[in-house]
Amino acid sequence: MHPAMQQRVDGVAALHERSVLLTADFYAKIGRPVPSPAPRFQARNKGNMWHIIDCRTGKTCGFCGSYLMAQQFVDAMEAAATRKLVGRQ
């Protein structure tokens, strides 16, 4: 990666880490637990199929024929999104 780009990525990661810490400090001061992030993917029933929808973009990421398979697919997508974000921070 180009050094200028790497420097920018490192700066953004530091700012993100600082914002997370400051948010936790704020909630500690008011005596409330830090809210957990909303789920990124959601399964919605449309006709005979379950659509897996990305809540951030509103786009359909996949289809499943049963509710159980849709929930497993949602769990897998959430885990994959978490792994990708952890590498960037």
N, C-alpha and C. Protein backbone atom coordinates (compact mmCIF):
# COMPACT_ATOMS: atom_id res chain seq x y z
N MET A 1 0.85 -1.17 0.00
CA MET A 1 0.00 0.00 0.00
C MET A 1 0.91 1.24 0.00
N HIS A 2 0.46 2.26 -0.69
CA HIS A 2 1.21 3.51 -0.76
C HIS A 2 1.35 4.12 0.64
N PRO A 3 2.51 4.68 0.97
CA PRO A 3 2.72 5.21 2.32
C PRO A 3 1.70 6.27 2.74
N ALA A 4 1.29 7.13 1.82
CA ALA A 4 0.31 8.15 2.17
C ALA A 4 -1.04 7.52 2.49
N MET A 5 -1.40 6.50 1.74
CA MET A 5 -2.67 5.80 1.99
C MET A 5 -2.62 5.05 3.31
N GLN A 6 -1.48 4.40 3.59
CA GLN A 6 -1.33 3.68 4.86
C GLN A 6 -1.41 4.64 6.04
N GLN A 7 -0.83 5.82 5.89
CA GLN A 7 -0.88 6.81 6.95
C GLN A 7 -2.32 7.25 7.20
N ARG A 8 -3.09 7.41 6.14
CA ARG A 8 -4.50 7.80 6.28
C ARG A 8 -5.31 6.69 6.95
N VAL A 9 -5.06 5.45 6.55
CA VAL A 9 -5.77 4.31 7.16
C VAL A 9 -5.45 4.23 8.64
N ASP A 10 -4.19 4.41 9.00
CA ASP A 10 -3.80 4.37 10.41
C ASP A 10 -4.45 5.50 11.20
N GLY A 11 -4.52 6.69 10.59
CA GLY A 11 -5.16 7.82 11.25
C GLY A 11 -6.64 7.60 11.49
N VAL A 12 -7.33 7.05 10.49
CA VAL A 12 -8.76 6.78 10.64
C VAL A 12 -8.99 5.70 11.69
N ALA A 13 -8.13 4.68 11.71
CA ALA A 13 -8.27 3.62 12.72
C ALA A 13 -8.07 4.18 14.13
N ALA A 14 -7.11 5.10 14.28
CA ALA A 14 -6.88 5.71 15.59
C ALA A 14 -8.08 6.56 16.02
N LEU A 15 -8.65 7.31 15.08
CA LEU A 15 -9.84 8.11 15.40
C LEU A 15 -11.02 7.23 15.78
N HIS A 16 -11.19 6.11 15.07
CA HIS A 16 -12.29 5.20 15.38
C HIS A 16 -12.12 4.61 16.78
N GLU A 17 -10.90 4.19 17.09
CA GLU A 17 -10.63 3.63 18.42
C GLU A 17 -10.90 4.66 19.52
N ARG A 18 -10.50 5.89 19.26
CA ARG A 18 -10.74 6.95 20.24
C ARG A 18 -12.23 7.22 20.42
N SER A 19 -12.99 7.21 19.33
CA SER A 19 -14.43 7.46 19.45
C SER A 19 -15.12 6.34 20.22
N VAL A 20 -14.66 5.10 20.04
CA VAL A 20 -15.24 3.98 20.79
C VAL A 20 -14.96 4.15 22.29
N LEU A 21 -13.73 4.52 22.62
CA LEU A 21 -13.38 4.71 24.04
C LEU A 21 -14.15 5.88 24.66
N LEU A 22 -14.28 6.97 23.93
CA LEU A 22 -15.00 8.12 24.46
C LEU A 22 -16.49 7.82 24.63
N THR A 23 -17.05 7.05 23.72
CA THR A 23 -18.45 6.66 23.86
C THR A 23 -18.64 5.80 25.10
N ALA A 24 -17.73 4.86 25.33
CA ALA A 24 -17.82 4.02 26.52
C ALA A 24 -17.67 4.86 27.79
N ASP A 25 -16.77 5.85 27.78
CA ASP A 25 -16.61 6.73 28.93
C ASP A 25 -17.89 7.53 29.20
N PHE A 26 -18.50 8.02 28.13
CA PHE A 26 -19.74 8.79 28.27
C PHE A 26 -20.83 7.95 28.93
N TYR A 27 -21.02 6.74 28.44
CA TYR A 27 -22.06 5.88 29.02
C TYR A 27 -21.73 5.49 30.45
N ALA A 28 -20.44 5.35 30.78
CA ALA A 28 -20.05 5.05 32.16
C ALA A 28 -20.39 6.22 33.08
N LYS A 29 -20.25 7.45 32.59
CA LYS A 29 -20.56 8.63 33.40
C LYS A 29 -22.04 8.75 33.72
N ILE A 30 -22.90 8.36 32.77
CA ILE A 30 -24.33 8.47 33.03
C ILE A 30 -24.91 7.20 33.63
N GLY A 31 -24.06 6.17 33.81
CA GLY A 31 -24.50 4.96 34.48
C GLY A 31 -25.36 4.03 33.64
N ARG A 32 -25.17 4.05 32.34
CA ARG A 32 -25.92 3.15 31.46
C ARG A 32 -24.96 2.25 30.70
N PRO A 33 -25.42 1.07 30.31
CA PRO A 33 -24.55 0.19 29.51
C PRO A 33 -24.43 0.72 28.08
N VAL A 34 -23.31 0.44 27.46
CA VAL A 34 -23.08 0.85 26.09
C VAL A 34 -24.02 0.03 25.18
N PRO A 35 -24.77 0.69 24.30
CA PRO A 35 -25.69 -0.05 23.44
C PRO A 35 -24.93 -0.92 22.44
N SER A 36 -25.45 -2.08 22.17
CA SER A 36 -24.82 -2.96 21.19
C SER A 36 -25.21 -2.49 19.79
N PRO A 37 -24.34 -2.72 18.81
CA PRO A 37 -24.67 -2.28 17.45
C PRO A 37 -25.84 -3.08 16.88
N ALA A 38 -26.59 -2.44 16.01
CA ALA A 38 -27.72 -3.10 15.38
C ALA A 38 -27.22 -4.17 14.41
N PRO A 39 -28.00 -5.22 14.19
CA PRO A 39 -27.56 -6.25 13.25
C PRO A 39 -27.46 -5.69 11.84
N ARG A 40 -26.48 -6.17 11.09
CA ARG A 40 -26.28 -5.67 9.73
C ARG A 40 -27.18 -6.38 8.72
N PHE A 41 -27.43 -7.67 8.92
CA PHE A 41 -28.22 -8.45 7.97
C PHE A 41 -29.53 -8.89 8.61
N GLN A 42 -30.55 -9.04 7.77
CA GLN A 42 -31.87 -9.40 8.25
C GLN A 42 -32.53 -10.33 7.24
N ALA A 43 -33.28 -11.31 7.74
CA ALA A 43 -34.02 -12.23 6.87
C ALA A 43 -35.47 -11.77 6.82
N ARG A 44 -35.98 -11.61 5.60
CA ARG A 44 -37.37 -11.18 5.42
C ARG A 44 -38.07 -12.16 4.48
N ASN A 45 -39.30 -12.49 4.84
CA ASN A 45 -40.08 -13.42 4.04
C ASN A 45 -40.78 -12.66 2.92
N LYS A 46 -40.53 -13.07 1.69
CA LYS A 46 -41.19 -12.48 0.52
C LYS A 46 -41.65 -13.63 -0.36
N GLY A 47 -42.95 -13.90 -0.30
CA GLY A 47 -43.49 -15.01 -1.08
C GLY A 47 -43.07 -16.33 -0.48
N ASN A 48 -42.50 -17.20 -1.30
CA ASN A 48 -42.07 -18.52 -0.83
C ASN A 48 -40.61 -18.55 -0.40
N MET A 49 -39.89 -17.44 -0.53
CA MET A 49 -38.46 -17.41 -0.24
C MET A 49 -38.16 -16.43 0.88
N TRP A 50 -37.03 -16.66 1.54
CA TRP A 50 -36.52 -15.74 2.55
C TRP A 50 -35.39 -14.95 1.91
N HIS A 51 -35.49 -13.64 1.91
CA HIS A 51 -34.47 -12.77 1.36
C HIS A 51 -33.55 -12.31 2.49
N ILE A 52 -32.25 -12.39 2.26
CA ILE A 52 -31.27 -11.90 3.22
C ILE A 52 -30.89 -10.49 2.76
N ILE A 53 -31.19 -9.50 3.61
CA ILE A 53 -31.05 -8.11 3.21
C ILE A 53 -29.99 -7.42 4.09
N ASP A 54 -29.12 -6.67 3.43
CA ASP A 54 -28.13 -5.85 4.13
C ASP A 54 -28.85 -4.59 4.60
N CYS A 55 -28.93 -4.38 5.91
CA CYS A 55 -29.68 -3.24 6.46
C CYS A 55 -29.03 -1.90 6.15
N ARG A 56 -27.73 -1.89 5.91
CA ARG A 56 -27.04 -0.63 5.60
C ARG A 56 -27.35 -0.14 4.20
N THR A 57 -27.41 -1.06 3.24
CA THR A 57 -27.63 -0.66 1.86
C THR A 57 -29.06 -0.93 1.38
N GLY A 58 -29.75 -1.85 2.04
CA GLY A 58 -31.10 -2.21 1.62
C GLY A 58 -31.12 -3.21 0.47
N LYS A 59 -29.96 -3.72 0.08
CA LYS A 59 -29.87 -4.66 -1.05
C LYS A 59 -29.98 -6.09 -0.57
N THR A 60 -30.54 -6.93 -1.42
CA THR A 60 -30.66 -8.35 -1.12
C THR A 60 -29.32 -9.03 -1.39
N CYS A 61 -28.83 -9.79 -0.40
CA CYS A 61 -27.54 -10.47 -0.52
C CYS A 61 -27.69 -11.95 -0.85
N GLY A 62 -28.86 -12.51 -0.64
CA GLY A 62 -29.05 -13.92 -0.91
C GLY A 62 -30.48 -14.36 -0.67
N PHE A 63 -30.75 -15.60 -1.00
CA PHE A 63 -32.09 -16.17 -0.87
C PHE A 63 -31.98 -17.53 -0.19
N CYS A 64 -32.99 -17.90 0.57
CA CYS A 64 -33.07 -19.22 1.18
C CYS A 64 -34.51 -19.70 1.10
N GLY A 65 -34.67 -21.01 1.07
CA GLY A 65 -36.00 -21.58 0.96
C GLY A 65 -36.68 -21.85 2.29
N SER A 66 -35.90 -21.94 3.39
CA SER A 66 -36.50 -22.21 4.68
C SER A 66 -35.99 -21.19 5.70
N TYR A 67 -36.76 -21.04 6.77
CA TYR A 67 -36.41 -20.09 7.82
C TYR A 67 -35.10 -20.47 8.51
N LEU A 68 -34.93 -21.75 8.79
CA LEU A 68 -33.72 -22.22 9.47
C LEU A 68 -32.48 -21.92 8.64
N MET A 69 -32.53 -22.20 7.35
CA MET A 69 -31.39 -21.92 6.48
C MET A 69 -31.14 -20.42 6.39
N ALA A 70 -32.20 -19.62 6.38
CA ALA A 70 -32.05 -18.17 6.31
C ALA A 70 -31.34 -17.65 7.56
N GLN A 71 -31.69 -18.16 8.73
CA GLN A 71 -31.05 -17.72 9.96
C GLN A 71 -29.58 -18.13 10.00
N GLN A 72 -29.28 -19.32 9.51
CA GLN A 72 -27.89 -19.75 9.45
C GLN A 72 -27.09 -18.87 8.48
N PHE A 73 -27.72 -18.51 7.37
CA PHE A 73 -27.07 -17.65 6.39
C PHE A 73 -26.82 -16.26 6.98
N VAL A 74 -27.80 -15.72 7.71
CA VAL A 74 -27.64 -14.42 8.37
C VAL A 74 -26.50 -14.48 9.38
N ASP A 75 -26.43 -15.53 10.17
CA ASP A 75 -25.35 -15.67 11.15
C ASP A 75 -23.98 -15.72 10.47
N ALA A 76 -23.90 -16.43 9.34
CA ALA A 76 -22.64 -16.52 8.61
C ALA A 76 -22.24 -15.16 8.03
N MET A 77 -23.20 -14.41 7.52
CA MET A 77 -22.91 -13.09 6.96
C MET A 77 -22.47 -12.12 8.05
N GLU A 78 -23.11 -12.18 9.22
CA GLU A 78 -22.72 -11.33 10.34
C GLU A 78 -21.29 -11.65 10.78
N ALA A 79 -20.97 -12.94 10.87
CA ALA A 79 -19.62 -13.34 11.28
C ALA A 79 -18.58 -12.88 10.26
N ALA A 80 -18.90 -12.99 8.98
CA ALA A 80 -17.97 -12.56 7.94
C ALA A 80 -17.77 -11.06 7.99
N ALA A 81 -18.83 -10.30 8.21
CA ALA A 81 -18.71 -8.84 8.29
C ALA A 81 -17.88 -8.44 9.50
N THR A 82 -18.03 -9.14 10.61
CA THR A 82 -17.25 -8.85 11.81
C THR A 82 -15.77 -9.14 11.58
N ARG A 83 -15.47 -10.25 10.93
CA ARG A 83 -14.08 -10.59 10.66
C ARG A 83 -13.43 -9.55 9.75
N LYS A 84 -14.16 -9.06 8.77
CA LYS A 84 -13.60 -8.06 7.85
C LYS A 84 -13.34 -6.76 8.58
N LEU A 85 -14.23 -6.35 9.50
CA LEU A 85 -14.03 -5.10 10.22
C LEU A 85 -12.90 -5.20 11.22
N VAL A 86 -12.71 -6.36 11.83
CA VAL A 86 -11.67 -6.51 12.83
C VAL A 86 -10.29 -6.33 12.18
N GLY A 87 -10.13 -6.80 10.97
CA GLY A 87 -8.85 -6.66 10.28
C GLY A 87 -8.50 -5.22 9.97
N ARG A 88 -9.48 -4.38 9.77
CA ARG A 88 -9.23 -2.98 9.40
C ARG A 88 -8.95 -2.09 10.60
N GLN A 89 -9.40 -2.48 11.77
CA GLN A 89 -9.27 -1.58 12.92
C GLN A 89 -7.89 -1.56 13.49
